[in-house]
Amino acid sequence: MKSGHPCPKCGSTGIEHFESVRAGDGPLAVGHVLAGAFAVFSQFEAFACRNCGFTEFYRK
């Protein structure tokens, strides 16, 4: 589902790209307490469908 490909779940072409899961605000944000547990996600990038929310992670 990388940019330029439709969502495999709903077929939408509206795709958002995120560099990593992080603490703070945003659709892929986690609480500050959990941020350390998700440090491994900084090695990944995420592509999320704007229509249905389906998300895929790819190793950078």
PDB file of N, CA and C in Angstrom:
ATOM      1  N   MET A   1       0.821  -1.189   0.000  1.00  0.00           N
ATOM      2  CA  MET A   1       0.000   0.000   0.000  1.00  0.00           C
ATOM      3  C   MET A   1       0.861   1.247   0.000  1.00  0.00           C
ATOM      4  N   LYS A   2       2.107   1.166  -0.347  1.00  0.00           N
ATOM      5  CA  LYS A   2       2.938   2.362  -0.381  1.00  0.00           C
ATOM      6  C   LYS A   2       2.298   3.406  -1.280  1.00  0.00           C
ATOM      7  N   SER A   3       2.770   4.630  -1.186  1.00  0.00           N
ATOM      8  CA  SER A   3       2.208   5.727  -1.978  1.00  0.00           C
ATOM      9  C   SER A   3       2.067   5.331  -3.439  1.00  0.00           C
ATOM     10  N   GLY A   4       0.941   5.675  -4.025  1.00  0.00           N
ATOM     11  CA  GLY A   4       0.688   5.352  -5.420  1.00  0.00           C
ATOM     12  C   GLY A   4      -0.079   4.059  -5.620  1.00  0.00           C
ATOM     13  N   HIS A   5      -0.262   3.301  -4.554  1.00  0.00           N
ATOM     14  CA  HIS A   5      -1.014   2.050  -4.632  1.00  0.00           C
ATOM     15  C   HIS A   5      -2.304   2.204  -3.831  1.00  0.00           C
ATOM     16  N   PRO A   6      -3.399   1.598  -4.273  1.00  0.00           N
ATOM     17  CA  PRO A   6      -4.661   1.707  -3.531  1.00  0.00           C
ATOM     18  C   PRO A   6      -4.648   0.866  -2.247  1.00  0.00           C
ATOM     19  N   CYS A   7      -5.518   1.224  -1.340  1.00  0.00           N
ATOM     20  CA  CYS A   7      -5.679   0.471  -0.097  1.00  0.00           C
ATOM     21  C   CYS A   7      -6.196  -0.930  -0.427  1.00  0.00           C
ATOM     22  N   PRO A   8      -5.566  -1.982   0.113  1.00  0.00           N
ATOM     23  CA  PRO A   8      -6.030  -3.339  -0.174  1.00  0.00           C
ATOM     24  C   PRO A   8      -7.370  -3.670   0.491  1.00  0.00           C
ATOM     25  N   LYS A   9      -7.761  -2.886   1.485  1.00  0.00           N
ATOM     26  CA  LYS A   9      -9.008  -3.158   2.200  1.00  0.00           C
ATOM     27  C   LYS A   9     -10.219  -2.500   1.531  1.00  0.00           C
ATOM     28  N   CYS A  10     -10.086  -1.194   1.168  1.00  0.00           N
ATOM     29  CA  CYS A  10     -11.252  -0.485   0.624  1.00  0.00           C
ATOM     30  C   CYS A  10     -11.040   0.053  -0.788  1.00  0.00           C
ATOM     31  N   GLY A  11      -9.797   0.023  -1.294  1.00  0.00           N
ATOM     32  CA  GLY A  11      -9.525   0.484  -2.651  1.00  0.00           C
ATOM     33  C   GLY A  11      -9.282   1.973  -2.791  1.00  0.00           C
ATOM     34  N   SER A  12      -9.333   2.716  -1.687  1.00  0.00           N
ATOM     35  CA  SER A  12      -9.103   4.159  -1.731  1.00  0.00           C
ATOM     36  C   SER A  12      -7.657   4.459  -2.118  1.00  0.00           C
ATOM     37  N   THR A  13      -7.445   5.580  -2.798  1.00  0.00           N
ATOM     38  CA  THR A  13      -6.082   5.984  -3.162  1.00  0.00           C
ATOM     39  C   THR A  13      -5.562   7.087  -2.246  1.00  0.00           C
ATOM     40  N   GLY A  14      -6.357   7.495  -1.253  1.00  0.00           N
ATOM     41  CA  GLY A  14      -5.930   8.505  -0.283  1.00  0.00           C
ATOM     42  C   GLY A  14      -5.063   7.853   0.784  1.00  0.00           C
ATOM     43  N   ILE A  15      -3.747   7.987   0.642  1.00  0.00           N
ATOM     44  CA  ILE A  15      -2.803   7.334   1.546  1.00  0.00           C
ATOM     45  C   ILE A  15      -1.962   8.394   2.254  1.00  0.00           C
ATOM     46  N   GLU A  16      -1.804   8.264   3.577  1.00  0.00           N
ATOM     47  CA  GLU A  16      -0.933   9.150   4.352  1.00  0.00           C
ATOM     48  C   GLU A  16       0.321   8.396   4.733  1.00  0.00           C
ATOM     49  N   HIS A  17       1.456   9.093   4.706  1.00  0.00           N
ATOM     50  CA  HIS A  17       2.753   8.498   5.038  1.00  0.00           C
ATOM     51  C   HIS A  17       3.222   9.047   6.381  1.00  0.00           C
ATOM     52  N   PHE A  18       3.691   8.164   7.263  1.00  0.00           N
ATOM     53  CA  PHE A  18       4.221   8.551   8.566  1.00  0.00           C
ATOM     54  C   PHE A  18       5.592   7.925   8.728  1.00  0.00           C
ATOM     55  N   GLU A  19       6.529   8.707   9.262  1.00  0.00           N
ATOM     56  CA  GLU A  19       7.897   8.214   9.449  1.00  0.00           C
ATOM     57  C   GLU A  19       7.998   7.208  10.584  1.00  0.00           C
ATOM     58  N   SER A  20       7.301   7.451  11.709  1.00  0.00           N
ATOM     59  CA  SER A  20       7.421   6.544  12.847  1.00  0.00           C
ATOM     60  C   SER A  20       6.310   6.797  13.854  1.00  0.00           C
ATOM     61  N   VAL A  21       6.141   5.850  14.754  1.00  0.00           N
ATOM     62  CA  VAL A  21       5.247   6.027  15.893  1.00  0.00           C
ATOM     63  C   VAL A  21       5.999   6.868  16.906  1.00  0.00           C
ATOM     64  N   ARG A  22       5.304   7.816  17.532  1.00  0.00           N
ATOM     65  CA  ARG A  22       6.001   8.717  18.450  1.00  0.00           C
ATOM     66  C   ARG A  22       5.061   9.167  19.569  1.00  0.00           C
ATOM     67  N   ALA A  23       5.647   9.748  20.601  1.00  0.00           N
ATOM     68  CA  ALA A  23       4.849  10.329  21.675  1.00  0.00           C
ATOM     69  C   ALA A  23       4.327  11.678  21.206  1.00  0.00           C
ATOM     70  N   GLY A  24       3.231  12.136  21.783  1.00  0.00           N
ATOM     71  CA  GLY A  24       2.689  13.432  21.416  1.00  0.00           C
ATOM     72  C   GLY A  24       1.375  13.296  20.680  1.00  0.00           C
ATOM     73  N   ASP A  25       1.121  14.230  19.759  1.00  0.00           N
ATOM     74  CA  ASP A  25      -0.136  14.248  19.014  1.00  0.00           C
ATOM     75  C   ASP A  25       0.022  13.571  17.664  1.00  0.00           C
ATOM     76  N   GLY A  26      -1.089  13.244  17.059  1.00  0.00           N
ATOM     77  CA  GLY A  26      -1.077  12.671  15.715  1.00  0.00           C
ATOM     78  C   GLY A  26      -1.717  11.304  15.684  1.00  0.00           C
ATOM     79  N   PRO A  27      -2.022  10.829  14.492  1.00  0.00           N
ATOM     80  CA  PRO A  27      -2.745   9.563  14.362  1.00  0.00           C
ATOM     81  C   PRO A  27      -1.960   8.341  14.804  1.00  0.00           C
ATOM     82  N   LEU A  28      -0.640   8.421  14.818  1.00  0.00           N
ATOM     83  CA  LEU A  28       0.157   7.271  15.248  1.00  0.00           C
ATOM     84  C   LEU A  28       0.851   7.536  16.580  1.00  0.00           C
ATOM     85  N   ALA A  29       0.321   8.473  17.354  1.00  0.00           N
ATOM     86  CA  ALA A  29       0.945   8.840  18.617  1.00  0.00           C
ATOM     87  C   ALA A  29       0.574   7.858  19.725  1.00  0.00           C
ATOM     88  N   VAL A  30       1.481   7.693  20.659  1.00  0.00           N
ATOM     89  CA  VAL A  30       1.235   6.893  21.854  1.00  0.00           C
ATOM     90  C   VAL A  30       1.506   7.781  23.059  1.00  0.00           C
ATOM     91  N   GLY A  31       1.042   7.384  24.224  1.00  0.00           N
ATOM     92  CA  GLY A  31       1.291   8.153  25.435  1.00  0.00           C
ATOM     93  C   GLY A  31       2.772   8.218  25.755  1.00  0.00           C
ATOM     94  N   HIS A  32       3.169   9.237  26.503  1.00  0.00           N
ATOM     95  CA  HIS A  32       4.580   9.405  26.850  1.00  0.00           C
ATOM     96  C   HIS A  32       5.120   8.219  27.640  1.00  0.00           C
ATOM     97  N   VAL A  33       4.285   7.589  28.448  1.00  0.00           N
ATOM     98  CA  VAL A  33       4.719   6.430  29.232  1.00  0.00           C
ATOM     99  C   VAL A  33       5.048   5.261  28.314  1.00  0.00           C
ATOM    100  N   LEU A  34       4.277   5.093  27.248  1.00  0.00           N
ATOM    101  CA  LEU A  34       4.481   3.979  26.325  1.00  0.00           C
ATOM    102  C   LEU A  34       5.493   4.275  25.226  1.00  0.00           C
ATOM    103  N   ALA A  35       5.956   5.511  25.116  1.00  0.00           N
ATOM    104  CA  ALA A  35       6.838   5.889  24.010  1.00  0.00           C
ATOM    105  C   ALA A  35       8.099   5.040  23.961  1.00  0.00           C
ATOM    106  N   GLY A  36       8.681   4.740  25.112  1.00  0.00           N
ATOM    107  CA  GLY A  36       9.894   3.919  25.143  1.00  0.00           C
ATOM    108  C   GLY A  36       9.655   2.515  24.629  1.00  0.00           C
ATOM    109  N   ALA A  37       8.495   1.977  24.930  1.00  0.00           N
ATOM    110  CA  ALA A  37       8.171   0.624  24.480  1.00  0.00           C
ATOM    111  C   ALA A  37       8.036   0.555  22.966  1.00  0.00           C
ATOM    112  N   PHE A  38       7.747   1.681  22.331  1.00  0.00           N
ATOM    113  CA  PHE A  38       7.563   1.709  20.885  1.00  0.00           C
ATOM    114  C   PHE A  38       8.781   2.267  20.148  1.00  0.00           C
ATOM    115  N   ALA A  39       9.923   2.363  20.823  1.00  0.00           N
ATOM    116  CA  ALA A  39      11.127   2.901  20.188  1.00  0.00           C
ATOM    117  C   ALA A  39      11.517   2.096  18.956  1.00  0.00           C
ATOM    118  N   VAL A  40      11.230   0.818  18.947  1.00  0.00           N
ATOM    119  CA  VAL A  40      11.570  -0.029  17.801  1.00  0.00           C
ATOM    120  C   VAL A  40      10.845   0.430  16.538  1.00  0.00           C
ATOM    121  N   PHE A  41       9.689   1.096  16.677  1.00  0.00           N
ATOM    122  CA  PHE A  41       8.943   1.543  15.508  1.00  0.00           C
ATOM    123  C   PHE A  41       9.637   2.666  14.754  1.00  0.00           C
ATOM    124  N   SER A  42      10.674   3.290  15.336  1.00  0.00           N
ATOM    125  CA  SER A  42      11.381   4.336  14.615  1.00  0.00           C
ATOM    126  C   SER A  42      12.123   3.758  13.417  1.00  0.00           C
ATOM    127  N   GLN A  43      12.251   2.433  13.357  1.00  0.00           N
ATOM    128  CA  GLN A  43      12.896   1.770  12.231  1.00  0.00           C
ATOM    129  C   GLN A  43      11.906   1.516  11.095  1.00  0.00           C
ATOM    130  N   PHE A  44      10.667   1.923  11.263  1.00  0.00           N
ATOM    131  CA  PHE A  44       9.618   1.632  10.294  1.00  0.00           C
ATOM    132  C   PHE A  44       8.951   2.906   9.804  1.00  0.00           C
ATOM    133  N   GLU A  45       8.330   2.813   8.650  1.00  0.00           N
ATOM    134  CA  GLU A  45       7.466   3.877   8.175  1.00  0.00           C
ATOM    135  C   GLU A  45       6.084   3.270   7.970  1.00  0.00           C
ATOM    136  N   ALA A  46       5.066   4.084   8.139  1.00  0.00           N
ATOM    137  CA  ALA A  46       3.695   3.589   8.049  1.00  0.00           C
ATOM    138  C   ALA A  46       2.953   4.304   6.934  1.00  0.00           C
ATOM    139  N   PHE A  47       2.058   3.565   6.295  1.00  0.00           N
ATOM    140  CA  PHE A  47       1.171   4.117   5.286  1.00  0.00           C
ATOM    141  C   PHE A  47      -0.245   3.800   5.735  1.00  0.00           C
ATOM    142  N   ALA A  48      -1.056   4.848   5.944  1.00  0.00           N
ATOM    143  CA  ALA A  48      -2.416   4.677   6.452  1.00  0.00           C
ATOM    144  C   ALA A  48      -3.433   5.181   5.437  1.00  0.00           C
ATOM    145  N   CYS A  49      -4.502   4.431   5.283  1.00  0.00           N
ATOM    146  CA  CYS A  49      -5.592   4.813   4.391  1.00  0.00           C
ATOM    147  C   CYS A  49      -6.404   5.925   5.059  1.00  0.00           C
ATOM    148  N   ARG A  50      -6.645   7.002   4.339  1.00  0.00           N
ATOM    149  CA  ARG A  50      -7.436   8.110   4.881  1.00  0.00           C
ATOM    150  C   ARG A  50      -8.919   7.757   4.962  1.00  0.00           C
ATOM    151  N   ASN A  51      -9.354   6.776   4.201  1.00  0.00           N
ATOM    152  CA  ASN A  51     -10.767   6.408   4.161  1.00  0.00           C
ATOM    153  C   ASN A  51     -11.146   5.443   5.289  1.00  0.00           C
ATOM    154  N   CYS A  52     -10.425   4.325   5.409  1.00  0.00           N
ATOM    155  CA  CYS A  52     -10.825   3.294   6.376  1.00  0.00           C
ATOM    156  C   CYS A  52      -9.855   3.145   7.552  1.00  0.00           C
ATOM    157  N   GLY A  53      -8.675   3.765   7.470  1.00  0.00           N
ATOM    158  CA  GLY A  53      -7.723   3.690   8.572  1.00  0.00           C
ATOM    159  C   GLY A  53      -6.788   2.501   8.532  1.00  0.00           C
ATOM    160  N   PHE A  54      -6.935   1.621   7.540  1.00  0.00           N
ATOM    161  CA  PHE A  54      -6.042   0.465   7.411  1.00  0.00           C
ATOM    162  C   PHE A  54      -4.606   0.969   7.322  1.00  0.00           C
ATOM    163  N   THR A  55      -3.695   0.350   8.089  1.00  0.00           N
ATOM    164  CA  THR A  55      -2.307   0.806   8.153  1.00  0.00           C
ATOM    165  C   THR A  55      -1.357  -0.349   7.908  1.00  0.00           C
ATOM    166  N   GLU A  56      -0.320  -0.085   7.121  1.00  0.00           N
ATOM    167  CA  GLU A  56       0.741  -1.060   6.878  1.00  0.00           C
ATOM    168  C   GLU A  56       2.066  -0.432   7.290  1.00  0.00           C
ATOM    169  N   PHE A  57       2.933  -1.252   7.901  1.00  0.00           N
ATOM    170  CA  PHE A  57       4.262  -0.805   8.307  1.00  0.00           C
ATOM    171  C   PHE A  57       5.307  -1.440   7.404  1.00  0.00           C
ATOM    172  N   TYR A  58       6.304  -0.649   7.025  1.00  0.00           N
ATOM    173  CA  TYR A  58       7.415  -1.126   6.203  1.00  0.00           C
ATOM    174  C   TYR A  58       8.719  -0.749   6.888  1.00  0.00           C
ATOM    175  N   ARG A  59       9.681  -1.667   6.863  1.00  0.00           N
ATOM    176  CA  ARG A  59      11.001  -1.381   7.427  1.00  0.00           C
ATOM    177  C   ARG A  59      11.676  -0.342   6.549  1.00  0.00           C
ATOM    178  N   LYS A  60      12.322   0.646   7.203  1.00  0.00           N
ATOM    179  CA  LYS A  60      13.034   1.694   6.452  1.00  0.00           C
ATOM    180  C   LYS A  60      14.265   1.148   5.797  1.00  0.00           C
TER     181      LYS A  60
END
